[in-house]
Amino acid sequence: MSFVIKHWAPIVSIWVLVAFLAVFATVTIAAEERFAVFGMLAAGSLALVSLQHLVVSQPSETVRQMVYVATGSLAIILIATVFTLLV
């Protein structure tokens, strides 16, 4: 159980950060400029995973965590983009 929590903690924390920043961008930034910010959020989430693996140095999990973070972050950004387009 400890391995599962240790494995998912960085992934979920990045998802929470991306969700918070997507909501913050949706509330505070003009609709025309949000799409660039959403792209920066996607790139930043992958950069955070890379940075985390530089510090922790567990290369066996790097690709898997990058895929999970990218998939979750893009899903969050997709929801924020659809909301921006509909509102």
Protein backbone atom coordinates (compact mmCIF):
# COMPACT_ATOMS: atom_id res chain seq x y z
CA MET A 1 0.00 0.00 0.00
CA SER A 2 2.86 2.36 0.79
CA PHE A 3 4.30 1.84 -2.71
CA VAL A 4 0.98 2.76 -4.33
CA ILE A 5 0.67 5.97 -2.33
CA LYS A 6 4.31 6.84 -2.97
CA HIS A 7 3.83 6.17 -6.69
CA TRP A 8 0.65 8.23 -7.10
CA ALA A 9 1.40 11.13 -4.73
CA PRO A 10 3.53 13.17 -7.18
CA ILE A 11 1.15 12.47 -10.05
CA VAL A 12 -1.97 13.54 -8.17
CA SER A 13 -0.22 16.58 -6.71
CA ILE A 14 0.68 17.77 -10.22
CA TRP A 15 -2.90 17.17 -11.37
CA VAL A 16 -4.21 19.23 -8.45
CA LEU A 17 -1.75 22.02 -9.28
CA VAL A 18 -2.76 21.99 -12.96
CA ALA A 19 -6.47 22.02 -12.04
CA PHE A 20 -5.98 24.92 -9.64
CA LEU A 21 -3.99 26.93 -12.19
CA ALA A 22 -6.52 26.15 -14.96
CA VAL A 23 -9.37 27.43 -12.79
CA PHE A 24 -7.29 30.46 -11.80
CA ALA A 25 -6.52 31.19 -15.47
CA THR A 26 -10.18 30.76 -16.41
CA VAL A 27 -11.25 33.26 -13.78
CA THR A 28 -8.52 35.86 -14.20
CA ILE A 29 -7.29 35.80 -17.82
CA ALA A 30 -9.17 36.98 -20.90
CA ALA A 31 -10.61 34.20 -23.07
CA GLU A 32 -8.35 34.97 -26.04
CA GLU A 33 -5.20 34.57 -23.95
CA ARG A 34 -6.20 31.45 -22.00
CA PHE A 35 -5.25 28.95 -24.67
CA ALA A 36 -1.58 29.96 -24.50
CA VAL A 37 -1.69 29.61 -20.72
CA PHE A 38 -3.26 26.15 -21.04
CA GLY A 39 -0.38 25.13 -23.32
CA MET A 40 2.10 26.41 -20.76
CA LEU A 41 0.34 24.37 -18.08
CA ALA A 42 0.68 21.20 -20.16
CA ALA A 43 4.38 21.82 -20.78
CA GLY A 44 4.95 22.79 -17.15
CA SER A 45 3.39 19.60 -15.84
CA LEU A 46 5.81 17.48 -17.89
CA ALA A 47 8.70 19.68 -16.77
CA LEU A 48 7.71 19.10 -13.13
CA VAL A 49 7.81 15.34 -13.61
CA SER A 50 11.22 15.60 -15.24
CA LEU A 51 12.49 17.80 -12.43
CA GLN A 52 11.13 15.41 -9.82
CA HIS A 53 12.95 12.51 -11.45
CA LEU A 54 16.20 14.45 -11.58
CA VAL A 55 15.97 14.88 -7.82
CA VAL A 56 14.67 11.41 -6.92
CA SER A 57 16.55 9.52 -9.64
CA GLN A 58 14.20 6.56 -10.19
CA PRO A 59 14.43 6.19 -13.97
CA SER A 60 12.29 3.05 -14.08
CA GLU A 61 9.12 5.05 -13.35
CA THR A 62 9.88 8.18 -15.39
CA VAL A 63 8.04 7.31 -18.59
CA ARG A 64 5.02 5.86 -16.81
CA GLN A 65 4.64 8.92 -14.59
CA MET A 66 5.09 11.24 -17.58
CA VAL A 67 2.31 9.44 -19.42
CA TYR A 68 -0.02 9.59 -16.40
CA VAL A 69 0.73 13.26 -15.74
CA ALA A 70 0.37 14.20 -19.41
CA THR A 71 -2.91 12.32 -19.79
CA GLY A 72 -4.42 13.77 -16.63
CA SER A 73 -3.16 17.29 -17.32
CA LEU A 74 -4.47 17.24 -20.87
CA ALA A 75 -7.86 16.01 -19.65
CA ILE A 76 -8.00 18.88 -17.14
CA ILE A 77 -6.95 21.38 -19.80
CA LEU A 78 -9.49 19.94 -22.24
CA ILE A 79 -12.27 20.53 -19.70
CA ALA A 80 -11.03 24.10 -19.13
CA THR A 81 -10.84 24.69 -22.90
CA VAL A 82 -14.39 23.41 -23.48
CA PHE A 83 -15.61 25.62 -20.66
CA THR A 84 -13.83 28.61 -22.21
CA LEU A 85 -15.35 27.94 -25.61
CA LEU A 86 -18.88 27.48 -24.25
CA VAL A 87 -18.92 30.49 -21.96
